[in-house]
């Protein structure tokens, strides 16, 4: 069945929002949260931006998956919506904890140490890149597939770095994920979906 053009355009807009939320998160986290353990309001905002990005990603993911053959598309839709909802739930939990003045660190019940936000998201975008490189995602340029693979690897590295508490690697891979690779992937994906 061909993709619904109206839904595809809405999904493309949501992909742009994911990029925007990622950039805003990076600005808030690096500018106001990192190194300021008592900045609960800024931390709540950063976590709310993670939640908003996760919710927007659900629509963009379904738009992308709708272009893929049924079996690959369904699996990618389930994995993508799953990681995005777990990430959103973790962001809401952390934002509410921040507003209440609680220190929860990386131990969120739905997203411990970024398992969904980084690990599963990385698996999703990496797999999407492989499927697209195989020519199974109509309209996805080869360069976008390569970018997806790089973003997926970076997100998995970020998850491992978060689990290992490797601060320098977290800053490097997190900066790439939230400022360069992730926004570039979602903006390009948004353009593809809106065509």
Protein backbone atom coordinates (compact mmCIF):
# COMPACT_ATOMS: atom_id res chain seq x y z
CA UNK A 1 0.00 0.00 0.00
CA UNK A 2 1.47 3.43 -0.90
CA UNK A 3 2.15 5.83 1.97
CA UNK A 4 -0.54 8.39 2.83
CA UNK A 5 0.84 11.75 1.59
CA UNK A 6 -0.96 13.78 4.29
CA UNK A 7 0.36 11.58 7.09
CA UNK A 8 3.81 11.58 5.50
CA UNK A 9 3.87 15.40 5.54
CA UNK A 10 2.78 15.47 9.18
CA UNK A 11 5.43 12.86 9.99
CA UNK A 12 8.01 15.03 8.22
CA UNK A 13 7.00 18.01 10.36
CA UNK A 14 7.39 15.86 13.47
CA UNK A 15 10.87 14.82 12.30
CA UNK A 16 11.76 18.53 12.20
CA UNK A 17 10.42 18.85 15.75
CA UNK A 18 12.64 15.96 16.90
CA UNK A 19 15.66 17.84 15.52
CA UNK A 20 14.52 21.07 17.20
CA UNK A 21 13.95 19.35 20.56
CA UNK A 22 17.38 17.71 20.29
CA UNK A 23 19.13 21.02 19.70
CA UNK A 24 17.14 22.73 22.47
CA UNK A 25 17.99 19.86 24.84
CA UNK A 26 21.70 20.24 24.06
CA UNK A 27 21.57 23.99 24.70
CA UNK A 28 19.70 23.61 28.00
CA UNK A 29 21.70 20.64 29.24
CA UNK A 30 25.15 21.94 28.34
CA UNK A 31 24.39 25.57 29.18
CA UNK A 32 22.26 25.31 32.29
CA UNK A 33 22.29 21.79 33.75
CA UNK A 34 25.78 20.30 33.40
CA UNK A 35 27.88 21.40 36.36
CA UNK A 36 24.86 22.89 38.16
CA UNK A 37 23.36 20.10 40.29
CA UNK A 38 20.83 22.45 41.91
CA UNK A 39 19.35 23.70 38.62
CA UNK A 40 16.19 21.63 39.01
CA UNK A 41 14.05 23.84 36.78
CA UNK A 42 16.58 23.70 33.93
CA UNK A 43 16.97 19.95 34.40
CA UNK A 44 13.17 19.55 34.30
CA UNK A 45 13.11 21.52 31.04
CA UNK A 46 15.88 19.36 29.55
CA UNK A 47 13.99 16.20 30.49
CA UNK A 48 10.73 17.61 29.14
CA UNK A 49 12.52 18.22 25.84
CA UNK A 50 13.56 14.54 25.81
CA UNK A 51 9.91 13.61 26.37
CA UNK A 52 8.70 15.95 23.60
CA UNK A 53 11.30 14.56 21.22
CA UNK A 54 10.21 11.01 22.00
CA UNK A 55 6.56 11.80 21.36
CA UNK A 56 7.33 13.58 18.09
CA UNK A 57 9.56 10.70 17.06
CA UNK A 58 6.65 8.24 17.30
CA UNK A 59 4.88 9.96 14.41
CA UNK A 60 8.04 10.43 12.34
CA UNK A 61 8.98 6.77 12.87
CA UNK A 62 5.59 5.54 11.68
CA UNK A 63 5.94 7.80 8.64
CA UNK A 64 9.32 6.28 7.82
CA UNK A 65 8.19 2.72 8.51
CA UNK A 66 5.19 3.22 6.23
CA UNK A 67 7.57 3.47 3.27
CA UNK A 68 9.24 0.13 3.95
CA UNK A 69 8.13 -3.36 2.89
CA UNK A 70 5.72 -4.87 5.44
CA UNK A 71 8.02 -7.13 7.47
CA UNK A 72 10.96 -4.73 7.85
CA UNK A 73 8.55 -1.81 8.19
CA UNK A 74 6.50 -3.38 10.97
CA UNK A 75 9.57 -4.40 12.95
CA UNK A 76 11.10 -0.93 12.58
CA UNK A 77 7.78 0.71 13.53
CA UNK A 78 7.45 -1.42 16.68
CA UNK A 79 11.05 -0.92 17.75
CA UNK A 80 10.98 2.80 16.97
CA UNK A 81 7.67 3.60 18.64
CA UNK A 82 8.72 1.44 21.60
CA UNK A 83 12.02 3.27 22.15
CA UNK A 84 10.37 6.65 21.62
CA UNK A 85 7.60 6.01 24.16
CA UNK A 86 10.03 4.60 26.74
CA UNK A 87 12.26 7.63 26.19
CA UNK A 88 9.29 10.00 26.55
CA UNK A 89 8.14 8.25 29.73
CA UNK A 90 11.66 8.45 31.15
CA UNK A 91 11.82 12.16 30.29
CA UNK A 92 8.47 12.88 31.96
CA UNK A 93 9.48 10.88 35.05
CA UNK A 94 12.77 12.75 35.34
CA UNK A 95 11.14 16.15 34.69
CA UNK A 96 8.58 15.56 37.44
CA UNK A 97 11.31 14.34 39.80
CA UNK A 98 13.34 17.47 39.03
CA UNK A 99 10.38 19.72 39.72
CA UNK A 100 9.94 17.91 43.05
CA UNK A 101 13.62 18.43 43.88
CA UNK A 102 14.44 14.71 43.75
CA UNK A 103 17.85 13.49 42.56
CA UNK A 104 17.24 10.37 40.47
CA UNK A 105 20.33 10.45 38.24
CA UNK A 106 20.22 7.96 35.38
CA UNK A 107 18.02 5.41 37.14
CA UNK A 108 14.67 6.01 35.49
CA UNK A 109 12.31 3.02 35.61
CA UNK A 110 11.48 3.14 31.88
CA UNK A 111 14.88 4.25 30.61
CA UNK A 112 17.72 3.19 32.94
CA UNK A 113 20.96 4.88 31.91
CA UNK A 114 19.47 5.86 28.56
CA UNK A 115 18.74 2.29 27.43
CA UNK A 116 15.78 3.47 25.30
CA UNK A 117 16.89 7.03 24.53
CA UNK A 118 20.36 6.00 23.38
CA UNK A 119 20.64 2.20 23.09
CA UNK A 120 17.33 1.27 21.45
CA UNK A 121 17.23 4.52 19.46
CA UNK A 122 20.70 3.67 18.17
CA UNK A 123 19.61 0.16 17.23
CA UNK A 124 16.56 1.60 15.41
CA UNK A 125 18.38 4.25 13.38
CA UNK A 126 21.30 1.90 12.60
CA UNK A 127 18.90 -0.81 11.35
CA UNK A 128 16.95 1.77 9.34
CA UNK A 129 20.24 2.84 7.75
CA UNK A 130 21.06 -0.75 6.80
CA UNK A 131 17.58 -1.34 5.37
CA UNK A 132 17.78 1.94 3.42
CA UNK A 133 21.28 1.10 2.10
CA UNK A 134 19.81 -2.16 0.79
CA UNK A 135 17.37 -0.06 -1.25
CA UNK A 136 14.30 -1.06 0.75
CA UNK A 137 13.21 2.48 1.74
CA UNK A 138 11.81 4.24 -1.31
CA UNK A 139 12.88 7.87 -1.54
CA UNK A 140 15.68 7.59 1.03
CA UNK A 141 18.96 8.79 -0.47
CA UNK A 142 22.08 6.70 0.05
CA UNK A 143 23.69 9.57 1.97
CA UNK A 144 20.79 9.62 4.44
CA UNK A 145 21.20 5.88 4.95
CA UNK A 146 24.90 6.37 5.69
CA UNK A 147 24.08 9.19 8.11
CA UNK A 148 21.57 6.90 9.85
CA UNK A 149 24.22 4.21 10.30
CA UNK A 150 26.71 6.73 11.75
CA UNK A 151 24.03 8.17 14.07
CA UNK A 152 23.07 4.67 15.22
CA UNK A 153 26.66 3.76 16.05
CA UNK A 154 27.12 7.05 17.91
CA UNK A 155 23.96 6.50 19.96
CA UNK A 156 25.03 3.00 20.98
CA UNK A 157 28.46 4.39 21.95
CA UNK A 158 26.65 7.05 24.01
CA UNK A 159 24.64 4.36 25.79
CA UNK A 160 27.78 2.36 26.59
CA UNK A 161 29.57 5.54 27.73
CA UNK A 162 26.62 6.41 29.98
CA UNK A 163 26.63 2.94 31.56
CA UNK A 164 30.41 3.16 32.05
CA UNK A 165 30.14 6.76 33.37
CA UNK A 166 32.87 7.80 30.89
CA UNK A 167 32.33 11.58 31.06
CA UNK A 168 34.57 12.57 28.14
CA UNK A 169 33.07 9.96 25.84
CA UNK A 170 29.56 11.01 26.98
CA UNK A 171 30.32 14.63 26.05
CA UNK A 172 31.76 13.72 22.64
CA UNK A 173 29.18 11.12 21.60
CA UNK A 174 26.33 13.05 23.24
CA UNK A 175 27.36 16.24 21.48
CA UNK A 176 27.47 14.44 18.16
CA UNK A 177 24.09 12.81 18.83
CA UNK A 178 22.21 15.88 20.03
CA UNK A 179 23.85 18.66 18.01
CA UNK A 180 25.10 17.17 14.74
CA UNK A 181 24.15 13.61 13.74
CA UNK A 182 20.67 13.38 15.28
CA UNK A 183 19.39 16.76 14.07
CA UNK A 184 20.93 16.24 10.62
CA UNK A 185 19.25 12.82 10.36
CA UNK A 186 15.84 14.11 11.47
CA UNK A 187 15.95 17.25 9.31
CA UNK A 188 16.90 15.24 6.22
CA UNK A 189 14.28 12.61 7.09
CA UNK A 190 11.72 15.39 7.50
CA UNK A 191 12.55 16.68 4.02
CA UNK A 192 12.18 13.19 2.54
CA UNK A 193 8.85 12.58 4.29
CA UNK A 194 7.40 15.95 3.25
CA UNK A 195 8.04 15.34 -0.48
